[in-house]
Amino acid sequence: MTNTIELTQTSTLAYGKPDDSFWEKYAGLWQNSAERSPFQAPRLLRYFSAQNPGETIVFQYFNKQSELLGAALFQQENQGVHFLSDMKTDANFFILHRSCTPDDMLDFFRQFLQRVKAEGWALMLNNQPDWADYMRQFEAAAATSGMYWMEIPYSVCPVVTAETPKALFEQISSSRELRYRVNKLKNQKKAEFEVLSDDTDLEHWAEEFCQAHVLRWEGTPTPSAYRDPLRRQFVKGCMRAWAEDGILVRFSVKTEGRRVGFVIGLRAAESLVHHSTTFHPEYKKFSPGKALILTMAEWMAGNNLRVLDFGDGDEPYKYTVANEEHVLSRIFLSGKQNLPFILKTKLIKWTKEHPRFYNYYARKIKPHLA
């Protein structure tokens, strides 16, 4: 990295493109983190860093033996600092070694926020997982940082959780609707259900996924981003990176010589993230996306996973089986003199607390604040 600032004996901040040495250390840290979040996986973030036209900002935290205990990667855009993983994410985690004590976590965040303050950043942390082990230490550090900070509950991740993988499968397979969807596809369309946990046929699968997504959202107020060839290439790059990290699991429905239903699944520590889904609109009445939930549960039972995480958003189909909600927050931090940023955050909070005005904000105001 081109510009490294040693903050203390146990932390550094660097600007530039991380080198091979950093990625090797980071991969070890991620493997030993509590969540092993797929959105902070090493090859994915390395891909994002290569795609990012600006500098990548890296905060690192070490123990006294110079072993990496924590890290976070950011990008600077429009006078604000965001997680690098905002490029494609459901939840943005700080990556901390699972051996970290609460005191270690508190020290990590205190040192990090001291640097945020010294750099004069306007820090916007989107998709913050309220359920992360470290969140209470983060909030304690923010409260004593001397900075302006605000936390807003912003979205949810519906989840299905059970005591064991077997119990999860039994819980999901008890859904009469899901069984009906599977049987209808099998009986009327001779459908097959496919699970791919490596890079088999990845390029073709990804292209079919993008084509179906475009058709699914054609003529709606929210047309597919995959109409843009660059976005198609980007999502293919994400899938390749996840596959290289061994965490991509693709689920699909095949009938009449083609794939008509898709789910991009991502492995985490004890869970599978139902990250992205679509289907060919000709098969809408068969609900292939819902049918695939049962296939996912069966695969999870065989792979010792007991939590199905539906990712960011409260779409109705997720509640066919979801039995909990995890809260995602937005956190804003800046110097107390940064009045434009502070006013912006208060406007965002007000609009979020007044749902009637939220759509107006999203359509008319938010694009000018980005």
Protein backbone atom coordinates (compact mmCIF):
# COMPACT_ATOMS: atom_id res chain seq x y z
CA MET A 1 0.00 0.00 0.00
CA THR A 2 1.28 3.40 -0.94
CA ASN A 3 0.74 5.46 2.20
CA THR A 4 0.74 3.78 5.62
CA ILE A 5 0.27 5.72 8.84
CA GLU A 6 1.30 3.98 12.06
CA LEU A 7 -1.25 5.13 14.60
CA THR A 8 0.00 3.23 17.63
CA GLN A 9 2.03 0.09 18.23
CA THR A 10 -1.14 -1.89 17.52
CA SER A 11 -2.89 -0.14 14.62
CA THR A 12 -2.23 1.30 11.17
CA LEU A 13 -4.17 3.15 8.50
CA ALA A 14 -3.17 2.80 4.84
CA TYR A 15 -4.27 4.39 1.58
CA GLY A 16 -3.72 2.68 -1.77
CA LYS A 17 -4.10 -0.79 -3.29
CA PRO A 18 -3.36 -3.53 -0.72
CA ASP A 19 -0.48 -5.83 -1.65
CA ASP A 20 -0.22 -9.63 -1.65
CA SER A 21 1.18 -9.66 1.88
CA PHE A 22 -1.88 -7.87 3.23
CA TRP A 23 -4.33 -10.16 1.43
CA GLU A 24 -2.58 -13.23 2.80
CA LYS A 25 -2.86 -11.94 6.36
CA TYR A 26 -6.43 -10.77 5.81
CA ALA A 27 -7.49 -14.18 4.46
CA GLY A 28 -6.22 -15.80 7.65
CA LEU A 29 -8.07 -13.24 9.78
CA TRP A 30 -11.33 -13.72 7.86
CA GLN A 31 -11.10 -17.51 8.17
CA ASN A 32 -10.78 -17.10 11.94
CA SER A 33 -13.46 -14.44 12.36
CA ALA A 34 -16.68 -15.15 14.21
CA GLU A 35 -19.03 -14.66 11.25
CA ARG A 36 -16.86 -15.29 8.16
CA SER A 37 -19.17 -12.86 6.36
CA PRO A 38 -19.28 -13.56 2.60
CA PHE A 39 -19.49 -9.83 1.93
CA GLN A 40 -16.08 -9.28 3.50
CA ALA A 41 -14.52 -12.43 2.01
CA PRO A 42 -10.90 -11.86 0.91
CA ARG A 43 -11.18 -12.54 -2.82
CA LEU A 44 -14.38 -10.51 -3.05
CA LEU A 45 -12.80 -7.47 -1.37
CA ARG A 46 -9.70 -7.88 -3.52
CA TYR A 47 -11.96 -7.80 -6.59
CA PHE A 48 -13.74 -4.70 -5.25
CA SER A 49 -10.41 -2.98 -4.60
CA ALA A 50 -9.36 -3.64 -8.20
CA GLN A 51 -12.70 -2.26 -9.46
CA ASN A 52 -12.56 0.80 -7.20
CA PRO A 53 -11.20 3.75 -9.25
CA GLY A 54 -9.95 5.50 -6.12
CA GLU A 55 -7.77 4.47 -3.22
CA THR A 56 -8.70 1.64 -0.90
CA ILE A 57 -8.43 2.63 2.76
CA VAL A 58 -7.40 -0.12 5.18
CA PHE A 59 -7.50 0.02 8.98
CA GLN A 60 -5.60 -2.79 10.71
CA TYR A 61 -5.40 -3.74 14.38
CA PHE A 62 -2.69 -6.00 15.83
CA ASN A 63 -1.80 -7.62 19.12
CA LYS A 64 1.57 -7.06 20.77
CA GLN A 65 2.99 -10.00 18.80
CA SER A 66 2.09 -8.18 15.54
CA GLU A 67 -0.63 -10.70 14.68
CA LEU A 68 -3.60 -9.24 12.80
CA LEU A 69 -6.67 -9.20 15.06
CA GLY A 70 -8.99 -6.85 13.17
CA ALA A 71 -9.43 -5.06 9.88
CA ALA A 72 -11.86 -2.94 7.88
CA LEU A 73 -11.66 -1.72 4.29
CA PHE A 74 -13.19 1.49 2.99
CA GLN A 75 -13.54 3.66 -0.08
CA GLN A 76 -13.91 7.42 -0.36
CA GLU A 77 -16.71 8.77 -2.53
CA ASN A 78 -18.46 12.13 -2.78
CA GLN A 79 -16.65 13.53 0.28
CA GLY A 80 -17.79 10.61 2.43
CA VAL A 81 -16.14 7.36 3.49
CA HIS A 82 -18.02 4.06 3.04
CA PHE A 83 -17.27 0.39 3.40
CA LEU A 84 -15.58 -1.03 0.32
CA SER A 85 -18.14 -3.85 0.47
CA ASP A 86 -20.95 -1.38 -0.24
CA MET A 87 -20.26 -2.30 -3.86
CA LYS A 88 -22.40 -5.43 -3.29
CA THR A 89 -23.60 -6.42 0.15
CA ASP A 90 -26.37 -7.44 2.50
CA ALA A 91 -24.43 -6.70 5.70
CA ASN A 92 -21.11 -4.91 6.34
CA PHE A 93 -19.06 -6.43 9.15
CA PHE A 94 -15.88 -5.27 10.79
CA ILE A 95 -13.68 -8.36 10.70
CA LEU A 96 -12.37 -9.30 14.14
CA HIS A 97 -10.54 -12.47 15.17
CA ARG A 98 -12.76 -14.82 17.15
CA SER A 99 -10.18 -14.79 19.98
CA CYS A 100 -10.83 -11.06 20.62
CA THR A 101 -12.11 -10.26 24.08
CA PRO A 102 -14.65 -7.48 24.72
CA ASP A 103 -11.74 -5.29 25.84
CA ASP A 104 -9.91 -6.02 22.57
CA MET A 105 -13.02 -5.06 20.60
CA LEU A 106 -13.41 -1.84 22.55
CA ASP A 107 -9.76 -0.95 21.97
CA PHE A 108 -10.12 -1.71 18.23
CA PHE A 109 -13.03 0.70 17.88
CA ARG A 110 -11.48 3.40 20.07
CA GLN A 111 -8.35 3.42 17.95
CA PHE A 112 -10.36 3.29 14.74
CA LEU A 113 -12.57 6.24 15.74
CA GLN A 114 -9.57 8.27 16.89
CA ARG A 115 -8.28 7.93 13.34
CA VAL A 116 -11.67 8.79 11.82
CA LYS A 117 -11.66 11.97 13.90
CA ALA A 118 -8.06 12.85 13.03
CA GLU A 119 -8.66 12.30 9.30
CA GLY A 120 -11.79 14.47 9.37
CA TRP A 121 -13.90 11.77 7.75
CA ALA A 122 -17.63 11.91 7.25
CA LEU A 123 -18.17 8.21 7.87
CA MET A 124 -21.32 6.48 6.59
CA LEU A 125 -21.62 2.87 7.69
CA ASN A 126 -24.47 1.21 5.82
CA ASN A 127 -26.00 -2.21 6.51
CA GLN A 128 -24.56 -2.54 9.99
CA PRO A 129 -25.55 -5.87 11.62
CA ASP A 130 -27.05 -5.12 15.01
CA TRP A 131 -26.57 -8.78 15.96
CA ALA A 132 -22.77 -8.74 15.56
CA ASP A 133 -20.88 -9.63 18.74
CA TYR A 134 -18.95 -6.36 18.69
CA MET A 135 -21.80 -3.86 18.27
CA ARG A 136 -22.07 -2.91 21.95
CA GLN A 137 -18.34 -2.14 22.05
CA PHE A 138 -18.65 -0.08 18.86
CA GLU A 139 -21.49 1.95 20.37
CA ALA A 140 -19.55 2.49 23.60
CA ALA A 141 -16.52 3.72 21.67
CA ALA A 142 -18.66 6.05 19.53
CA ALA A 143 -20.38 7.52 22.59
CA THR A 144 -17.03 8.50 24.13
CA SER A 145 -15.26 9.54 20.91
CA GLY A 146 -16.09 13.25 21.12
CA MET A 147 -17.63 13.01 17.64
CA TYR A 148 -21.12 13.48 16.32
CA TRP A 149 -22.70 10.09 15.74
CA MET A 150 -26.13 8.76 14.93
CA GLU A 151 -27.44 5.21 14.54
CA ILE A 152 -30.68 4.55 12.65
CA PRO A 153 -32.46 1.18 12.40
CA TYR A 154 -32.79 1.04 8.63
CA SER A 155 -33.71 -2.40 7.36
CA VAL A 156 -34.06 -6.04 8.39
CA CYS A 157 -32.73 -9.46 7.45
CA PRO A 158 -35.50 -12.06 7.89
CA VAL A 159 -34.02 -15.38 9.01
CA VAL A 160 -35.04 -18.93 9.75
CA THR A 161 -33.11 -20.28 12.71
CA ALA A 162 -33.24 -23.59 14.55
CA GLU A 163 -31.23 -25.45 17.18
CA THR A 164 -29.81 -27.94 14.69
CA PRO A 165 -29.56 -28.34 10.89
CA LYS A 166 -31.99 -31.26 11.10
CA ALA A 167 -34.50 -29.13 13.02
CA LEU A 168 -34.14 -26.37 10.42
CA PHE A 169 -34.93 -28.78 7.60
CA GLU A 170 -37.93 -30.19 9.47
CA GLN A 171 -39.20 -26.68 10.15
CA ILE A 172 -38.92 -25.51 6.53
CA SER A 173 -40.14 -28.76 4.99
CA SER A 174 -43.29 -28.58 7.10
CA SER A 175 -44.47 -25.68 4.88
CA ARG A 176 -47.34 -26.97 2.78
CA GLU A 177 -46.89 -24.13 0.32
CA LEU A 178 -43.25 -24.97 -0.38
CA ARG A 179 -44.02 -28.65 -0.85
CA TYR A 180 -46.86 -27.71 -3.20
CA ARG A 181 -44.54 -25.51 -5.29
CA VAL A 182 -41.95 -28.27 -5.59
CA ASN A 183 -44.51 -30.93 -6.52
CA LYS A 184 -46.22 -28.67 -9.07
CA LEU A 185 -42.93 -28.04 -10.88
CA LYS A 186 -41.99 -31.72 -10.81
CA ASN A 187 -45.40 -33.01 -11.88
CA GLN A 188 -46.35 -30.42 -14.50
CA LYS A 189 -42.93 -29.39 -15.84
CA LYS A 190 -40.76 -32.42 -15.03
CA ALA A 191 -38.46 -29.99 -13.25
CA GLU A 192 -35.08 -30.88 -11.77
CA PHE A 193 -33.51 -29.08 -8.84
CA GLU A 194 -29.81 -28.30 -9.16
CA VAL A 195 -27.18 -27.40 -6.54
CA LEU A 196 -23.70 -26.26 -7.61
CA SER A 197 -21.12 -25.60 -4.89
CA ASP A 198 -18.08 -25.08 -7.13
CA ASP A 199 -17.44 -23.13 -10.36
CA THR A 200 -19.15 -25.66 -12.67
CA ASP A 201 -20.79 -23.87 -15.63
CA LEU A 202 -20.41 -20.58 -13.78
CA GLU A 203 -20.30 -18.24 -16.78
CA HIS A 204 -23.36 -19.77 -18.44
CA TRP A 205 -25.28 -19.97 -15.16
CA ALA A 206 -24.54 -16.31 -14.42
CA GLU A 207 -25.63 -15.26 -17.92
CA GLU A 208 -28.91 -17.18 -17.57
CA PHE A 209 -29.43 -15.55 -14.16
CA CYS A 210 -28.92 -12.06 -15.60
CA GLN A 211 -31.18 -12.70 -18.60
CA ALA A 212 -33.98 -14.00 -16.38
CA HIS A 213 -33.57 -11.02 -14.05
CA VAL A 214 -33.92 -8.59 -16.96
CA LEU A 215 -37.08 -10.35 -18.20
CA ARG A 216 -38.51 -10.61 -14.67
CA TRP A 217 -38.33 -6.85 -14.08
CA GLU A 218 -39.02 -5.64 -17.60
CA GLY A 219 -41.88 -3.13 -17.74
CA THR A 220 -41.83 -2.50 -13.97
CA PRO A 221 -40.87 0.71 -12.10
CA THR A 222 -37.59 -1.02 -11.12
CA PRO A 223 -36.02 -2.46 -14.28
CA SER A 224 -33.05 -4.76 -13.85
CA ALA A 225 -29.55 -3.28 -13.49
CA TYR A 226 -28.33 -6.23 -15.55
CA ARG A 227 -29.51 -4.55 -18.73
CA ASP A 228 -26.10 -2.89 -18.49
CA PRO A 229 -23.32 -5.22 -19.75
CA LEU A 230 -20.92 -3.74 -17.19
CA ARG A 231 -23.22 -4.74 -14.32
CA ARG A 232 -23.42 -8.24 -15.75
CA GLN A 233 -19.65 -8.46 -15.80
CA PHE A 234 -19.51 -7.11 -12.26
CA VAL A 235 -21.88 -9.71 -10.80
CA LYS A 236 -20.03 -12.46 -12.67
CA GLY A 237 -16.81 -11.20 -11.09
CA CYS A 238 -18.45 -11.34 -7.65
CA MET A 239 -19.57 -14.92 -8.24
CA ARG A 240 -16.11 -15.96 -9.41
CA ALA A 241 -14.58 -14.39 -6.28
CA TRP A 242 -17.04 -16.15 -3.97
CA ALA A 243 -16.40 -19.43 -5.77
CA GLU A 244 -12.63 -19.00 -5.27
CA ASP A 245 -13.24 -18.49 -1.56
CA GLY A 246 -15.34 -21.68 -1.50
CA ILE A 247 -18.52 -19.99 -0.25
CA LEU A 248 -20.72 -19.74 -3.38
CA VAL A 249 -23.63 -22.19 -3.62
CA ARG A 250 -25.96 -21.83 -6.62
CA PHE A 251 -29.46 -23.27 -6.59
CA SER A 252 -31.57 -23.54 -9.72
CA VAL A 253 -34.69 -25.09 -11.26
CA LYS A 254 -34.18 -26.72 -14.66
CA THR A 255 -37.02 -27.56 -17.00
CA GLU A 256 -37.59 -27.79 -20.73
CA GLY A 257 -33.85 -27.59 -21.40
CA ARG A 258 -33.10 -24.40 -19.46
CA ARG A 259 -32.79 -22.92 -16.00
CA VAL A 260 -35.90 -20.96 -14.97
CA GLY A 261 -35.35 -20.28 -11.26
CA PHE A 262 -32.19 -19.10 -9.49
CA VAL A 263 -30.80 -18.39 -6.03
CA ILE A 264 -27.28 -17.15 -5.30
CA GLY A 265 -26.46 -18.61 -1.89
CA LEU A 266 -23.41 -17.71 0.21
CA ARG A 267 -21.95 -19.72 3.07
CA ALA A 268 -21.12 -18.04 6.37
CA ALA A 269 -20.08 -19.53 9.72
CA GLU A 270 -23.30 -21.35 10.72
CA SER A 271 -25.58 -19.99 8.05
CA LEU A 272 -26.43 -19.77 4.39
CA VAL A 273 -27.27 -16.33 3.01
CA HIS A 274 -30.07 -16.27 0.42
CA HIS A 275 -28.40 -13.36 -1.32
CA SER A 276 -30.09 -12.91 -4.69
CA THR A 277 -32.90 -14.63 -6.55
CA THR A 278 -34.86 -14.40 -9.77
CA PHE A 279 -36.98 -16.49 -12.11
CA HIS A 280 -38.11 -16.53 -15.70
CA PRO A 281 -41.46 -14.65 -15.84
CA GLU A 282 -43.07 -17.40 -17.94
CA TYR A 283 -42.93 -19.56 -14.81
CA LYS A 284 -44.27 -17.02 -12.35
CA LYS A 285 -47.33 -19.12 -11.44
CA PHE A 286 -45.02 -21.97 -10.41
CA SER A 287 -43.04 -19.79 -7.94
CA PRO A 288 -39.67 -21.44 -8.64
CA GLY A 289 -37.96 -19.14 -6.15
CA LYS A 290 -40.14 -20.41 -3.30
CA ALA A 291 -39.66 -24.01 -4.41
CA LEU A 292 -35.89 -23.53 -4.18
CA ILE A 293 -36.13 -22.65 -0.47
CA LEU A 294 -36.94 -26.30 0.21
CA THR A 295 -33.95 -27.41 -1.87
CA MET A 296 -31.76 -25.00 0.11
CA ALA A 297 -32.97 -26.41 3.43
CA GLU A 298 -32.21 -29.95 2.31
CA TRP A 299 -28.70 -28.95 1.21
CA MET A 300 -28.13 -27.10 4.50
CA ALA A 301 -29.08 -30.17 6.54
CA GLY A 302 -26.37 -32.11 4.74
CA ASN A 303 -23.81 -29.35 5.31
CA ASN A 304 -24.35 -28.67 9.01
CA LEU A 305 -25.93 -25.20 8.69
CA ARG A 306 -28.77 -24.20 10.98
CA VAL A 307 -29.59 -20.60 9.95
CA LEU A 308 -31.09 -19.52 6.62
CA ASP A 309 -30.51 -15.78 6.30
CA PHE A 310 -32.67 -14.09 3.66
CA GLY A 311 -30.46 -11.00 3.49
CA ASP A 312 -31.35 -7.32 3.38
CA GLY A 313 -35.03 -6.51 2.79
CA ASP A 314 -38.51 -7.47 3.96
CA GLU A 315 -39.93 -8.92 0.72
CA PRO A 316 -43.08 -10.96 1.46
CA TYR A 317 -41.80 -14.28 0.06
CA LYS A 318 -39.17 -14.43 2.81
CA TYR A 319 -41.86 -14.65 5.47
CA THR A 320 -43.17 -17.91 4.08
CA VAL A 321 -40.73 -19.51 6.53
CA ALA A 322 -38.80 -16.75 8.38
CA ASN A 323 -39.22 -16.85 12.16
CA GLU A 324 -36.93 -13.96 13.22
CA GLU A 325 -35.71 -10.59 12.01
CA HIS A 326 -32.19 -9.24 12.37
CA VAL A 327 -31.90 -5.45 12.36
CA LEU A 328 -29.60 -3.60 9.98
CA SER A 329 -28.64 -0.06 10.95
CA ARG A 330 -27.00 2.95 9.33
CA ILE A 331 -24.36 4.67 11.43
CA PHE A 332 -23.05 8.18 10.76
CA LEU A 333 -19.95 9.71 12.36
CA SER A 334 -18.20 13.02 11.79
CA GLY A 335 -16.67 15.97 13.55
CA LYS A 336 -19.23 18.07 15.41
CA GLN A 337 -18.42 21.03 13.16
CA ASN A 338 -19.52 19.22 9.99
CA LEU A 339 -22.94 20.87 9.89
CA PRO A 340 -23.93 19.91 6.30
CA PHE A 341 -23.29 16.23 7.08
CA ILE A 342 -25.13 16.43 10.40
CA LEU A 343 -28.16 18.07 8.79
CA LYS A 344 -28.14 15.43 6.07
CA THR A 345 -28.22 12.62 8.65
CA LYS A 346 -31.06 14.24 10.58
CA LEU A 347 -33.06 14.53 7.36
CA ILE A 348 -32.45 10.86 6.62
CA LYS A 349 -33.55 9.91 10.14
CA TRP A 350 -36.70 12.05 9.91
CA THR A 351 -37.75 10.60 6.57
CA LYS A 352 -37.12 7.05 7.83
CA GLU A 353 -39.34 7.72 10.84
CA HIS A 354 -42.13 9.07 8.59
CA PRO A 355 -42.93 6.30 6.08
CA ARG A 356 -45.41 8.47 4.17
CA PHE A 357 -42.57 10.69 3.03
CA TYR A 358 -39.96 7.99 2.54
CA ASN A 359 -40.82 7.23 -1.08
CA TYR A 360 -40.69 10.95 -1.91
CA TYR A 361 -37.29 11.18 -0.25
CA ALA A 362 -35.97 8.12 -2.10
CA ARG A 363 -37.15 9.40 -5.48
CA LYS A 364 -36.59 13.16 -5.23
CA ILE A 365 -34.07 13.96 -2.48
CA LYS A 366 -31.72 11.02 -1.93
CA PRO A 367 -30.13 11.16 -5.42
CA HIS A 368 -28.95 14.71 -4.70
CA LEU A 369 -27.44 13.74 -1.33
CA ALA A 370 -25.34 10.85 -2.60
